[in-house]
Amino acid sequence: MCLPSRPSAPPPPAPDPMAMEAQRQQRAENQAVRSERKADVLEKGIRRARGGSGRRSLLSKTSKGGMGYYNEFL
């Protein structure tokens, strides 16, 4: 018993060189924007870290340390 063979699918069309170039340019633009944003975020983080906290009182009643952290009646 012979089964009929399926017709073969036509080969996919060749990619359009203009479309491929447009995609490449779009990817390059997206990469540039992404790297700019990443640099901005890194710069903000460095600026924040450099700001420091300054000198803190060891007698303060904050949760960040000092005698007030251990003894609330200080």
N, C-alpha and C. Protein backbone atom coordinates (compact mmCIF):
# COMPACT_ATOMS: atom_id res chain seq x y z
N MET A 1 0.85 -1.15 0.00
CA MET A 1 0.00 0.00 0.00
C MET A 1 0.91 1.23 0.00
N CYS A 2 0.68 2.10 -0.92
CA CYS A 2 1.49 3.30 -1.06
C CYS A 2 0.72 4.51 -0.55
N LEU A 3 1.39 5.31 0.21
CA LEU A 3 0.79 6.55 0.70
C LEU A 3 1.21 7.69 -0.22
N PRO A 4 0.29 8.59 -0.45
CA PRO A 4 0.68 9.72 -1.31
C PRO A 4 1.68 10.62 -0.58
N SER A 5 2.63 11.09 -1.31
CA SER A 5 3.63 11.96 -0.69
C SER A 5 3.08 13.38 -0.55
N ARG A 6 3.54 14.04 0.48
CA ARG A 6 3.10 15.42 0.69
C ARG A 6 3.85 16.34 -0.26
N PRO A 7 3.18 17.36 -0.73
CA PRO A 7 3.89 18.30 -1.58
C PRO A 7 4.90 19.08 -0.72
N SER A 8 6.08 19.28 -1.25
CA SER A 8 7.10 19.98 -0.47
C SER A 8 6.77 21.47 -0.41
N ALA A 9 7.10 22.07 0.71
CA ALA A 9 6.83 23.50 0.90
C ALA A 9 7.84 24.30 0.08
N PRO A 10 7.41 25.41 -0.45
CA PRO A 10 8.36 26.22 -1.22
C PRO A 10 9.42 26.80 -0.27
N PRO A 11 10.63 27.01 -0.75
CA PRO A 11 11.67 27.54 0.13
C PRO A 11 11.32 28.96 0.57
N PRO A 12 11.75 29.34 1.78
CA PRO A 12 11.42 30.68 2.26
C PRO A 12 12.08 31.73 1.36
N PRO A 13 11.45 32.89 1.24
CA PRO A 13 12.03 33.92 0.37
C PRO A 13 13.35 34.44 0.97
N ALA A 14 14.22 34.90 0.11
CA ALA A 14 15.51 35.43 0.55
C ALA A 14 15.26 36.70 1.35
N PRO A 15 16.03 36.91 2.43
CA PRO A 15 15.83 38.11 3.25
C PRO A 15 16.16 39.37 2.44
N ASP A 16 15.38 40.39 2.68
CA ASP A 16 15.55 41.67 1.98
C ASP A 16 16.77 42.39 2.58
N PRO A 17 17.76 42.74 1.75
CA PRO A 17 18.94 43.41 2.29
C PRO A 17 18.63 44.77 2.92
N MET A 18 17.65 45.48 2.40
CA MET A 18 17.27 46.77 2.97
C MET A 18 16.67 46.59 4.36
N ALA A 19 15.82 45.58 4.49
CA ALA A 19 15.19 45.32 5.79
C ALA A 19 16.23 44.88 6.81
N MET A 20 17.18 44.07 6.39
CA MET A 20 18.22 43.61 7.31
C MET A 20 19.08 44.79 7.76
N GLU A 21 19.39 45.71 6.84
CA GLU A 21 20.18 46.88 7.20
C GLU A 21 19.42 47.77 8.17
N ALA A 22 18.10 47.92 7.96
CA ALA A 22 17.28 48.73 8.86
C ALA A 22 17.26 48.10 10.26
N GLN A 23 17.15 46.78 10.31
CA GLN A 23 17.16 46.09 11.61
C GLN A 23 18.50 46.29 12.30
N ARG A 24 19.59 46.21 11.54
CA ARG A 24 20.92 46.40 12.12
C ARG A 24 21.07 47.80 12.70
N GLN A 25 20.58 48.80 11.96
CA GLN A 25 20.67 50.18 12.45
C GLN A 25 19.82 50.37 13.70
N GLN A 26 18.62 49.77 13.70
CA GLN A 26 17.75 49.89 14.87
C GLN A 26 18.39 49.25 16.10
N ARG A 27 19.03 48.10 15.92
CA ARG A 27 19.72 47.44 17.03
C ARG A 27 20.86 48.31 17.55
N ALA A 28 21.60 48.94 16.64
CA ALA A 28 22.72 49.79 17.06
C ALA A 28 22.20 51.00 17.85
N GLU A 29 21.10 51.59 17.39
CA GLU A 29 20.51 52.73 18.11
C GLU A 29 20.03 52.31 19.49
N ASN A 30 19.35 51.17 19.56
CA ASN A 30 18.85 50.67 20.85
C ASN A 30 20.01 50.40 21.80
N GLN A 31 21.10 49.84 21.28
CA GLN A 31 22.27 49.55 22.12
C GLN A 31 22.87 50.84 22.64
N ALA A 32 22.92 51.87 21.80
CA ALA A 32 23.50 53.16 22.23
C ALA A 32 22.65 53.76 23.35
N VAL A 33 21.33 53.72 23.18
CA VAL A 33 20.43 54.27 24.20
C VAL A 33 20.58 53.49 25.50
N ARG A 34 20.65 52.18 25.39
CA ARG A 34 20.77 51.33 26.57
C ARG A 34 22.08 51.61 27.31
N SER A 35 23.17 51.75 26.57
CA SER A 35 24.45 52.00 27.24
C SER A 35 24.48 53.40 27.86
N GLU A 36 23.81 54.38 27.25
CA GLU A 36 23.71 55.72 27.86
C GLU A 36 22.96 55.65 29.18
N ARG A 37 21.84 54.95 29.18
CA ARG A 37 21.04 54.83 30.41
C ARG A 37 21.83 54.12 31.50
N LYS A 38 22.55 53.09 31.11
CA LYS A 38 23.34 52.34 32.09
C LYS A 38 24.42 53.23 32.69
N ALA A 39 25.05 54.05 31.85
CA ALA A 39 26.09 54.97 32.34
C ALA A 39 25.48 56.00 33.28
N ASP A 40 24.28 56.50 32.96
CA ASP A 40 23.62 57.48 33.83
C ASP A 40 23.32 56.88 35.20
N VAL A 41 22.80 55.67 35.20
CA VAL A 41 22.46 55.01 36.47
C VAL A 41 23.73 54.78 37.29
N LEU A 42 24.80 54.36 36.62
CA LEU A 42 26.06 54.14 37.32
C LEU A 42 26.59 55.44 37.91
N GLU A 43 26.49 56.52 37.13
CA GLU A 43 26.96 57.82 37.60
C GLU A 43 26.17 58.30 38.81
N LYS A 44 24.85 58.09 38.78
CA LYS A 44 24.02 58.48 39.93
C LYS A 44 24.40 57.69 41.17
N GLY A 45 24.66 56.40 40.99
CA GLY A 45 25.05 55.56 42.11
C GLY A 45 26.37 55.99 42.70
N ILE A 46 27.30 56.36 41.85
CA ILE A 46 28.61 56.81 42.34
C ILE A 46 28.46 58.13 43.07
N ARG A 47 27.65 59.04 42.51
CA ARG A 47 27.43 60.33 43.16
C ARG A 47 26.82 60.14 44.54
N ARG A 48 25.86 59.23 44.64
CA ARG A 48 25.20 58.97 45.92
C ARG A 48 26.19 58.37 46.91
N ALA A 49 27.03 57.46 46.46
CA ALA A 49 27.99 56.81 47.34
C ALA A 49 29.05 57.80 47.81
N ARG A 50 29.44 58.71 46.95
CA ARG A 50 30.45 59.69 47.32
C ARG A 50 29.94 60.70 48.34
N GLY A 51 28.62 60.94 48.35
CA GLY A 51 28.05 61.92 49.25
C GLY A 51 28.38 61.62 50.69
N GLY A 52 28.46 60.38 51.02
CA GLY A 52 28.81 59.98 52.38
C GLY A 52 27.72 60.34 53.37
N SER A 53 27.92 59.97 54.58
CA SER A 53 26.92 60.25 55.60
C SER A 53 27.41 61.30 56.57
N GLY A 54 28.66 61.70 56.45
CA GLY A 54 29.18 62.71 57.35
C GLY A 54 29.42 62.13 58.74
N ARG A 55 29.69 63.00 59.66
CA ARG A 55 29.93 62.58 61.04
C ARG A 55 28.59 62.41 61.75
N ARG A 56 28.44 61.31 62.44
CA ARG A 56 27.19 61.04 63.15
C ARG A 56 27.43 61.07 64.64
N SER A 57 26.40 61.47 65.33
CA SER A 57 26.49 61.52 66.78
C SER A 57 26.35 60.12 67.35
N LEU A 58 27.16 59.80 68.32
CA LEU A 58 27.06 58.51 68.98
C LEU A 58 26.02 58.53 70.09
N LEU A 59 25.47 59.71 70.37
CA LEU A 59 24.46 59.82 71.41
C LEU A 59 23.06 59.92 70.83
N SER A 60 22.92 59.78 69.55
CA SER A 60 21.61 59.97 68.92
C SER A 60 20.66 58.82 69.26
N LYS A 61 19.39 59.10 69.14
CA LYS A 61 18.36 58.10 69.43
C LYS A 61 17.79 57.54 68.14
N THR A 62 18.64 57.27 67.19
CA THR A 62 18.17 56.73 65.91
C THR A 62 18.46 55.25 65.83
N SER A 63 17.92 54.64 64.84
CA SER A 63 18.15 53.21 64.65
C SER A 63 19.44 52.96 63.89
N LYS A 64 20.19 54.02 63.61
CA LYS A 64 21.41 53.86 62.83
C LYS A 64 22.64 53.68 63.71
N GLY A 65 22.47 53.55 64.98
CA GLY A 65 23.61 53.30 65.85
C GLY A 65 23.67 54.30 66.99
N GLY A 66 24.74 54.26 67.71
CA GLY A 66 24.91 55.16 68.84
C GLY A 66 24.31 54.58 70.10
N MET A 67 24.46 55.30 71.19
CA MET A 67 23.97 54.82 72.49
C MET A 67 22.45 54.74 72.51
N GLY A 68 21.76 55.62 71.78
CA GLY A 68 20.31 55.60 71.77
C GLY A 68 19.75 54.32 71.20
N TYR A 69 20.54 53.63 70.41
CA TYR A 69 20.10 52.36 69.83
C TYR A 69 19.96 51.30 70.91
N TYR A 70 20.86 51.35 71.88
CA TYR A 70 20.87 50.36 72.94
C TYR A 70 20.04 50.78 74.14
N ASN A 71 19.97 52.08 74.41
CA ASN A 71 19.28 52.58 75.58
C ASN A 71 18.34 53.68 75.14
N GLU A 72 17.05 53.40 75.09
CA GLU A 72 16.10 54.40 74.59
C GLU A 72 15.91 55.56 75.56
N PHE A 73 16.34 55.44 76.81
CA PHE A 73 16.16 56.50 77.79
C PHE A 73 17.33 57.46 77.82
N LEU A 74 18.27 57.31 76.94
CA LEU A 74 19.44 58.19 76.90
C LEU A 74 19.08 59.56 76.41
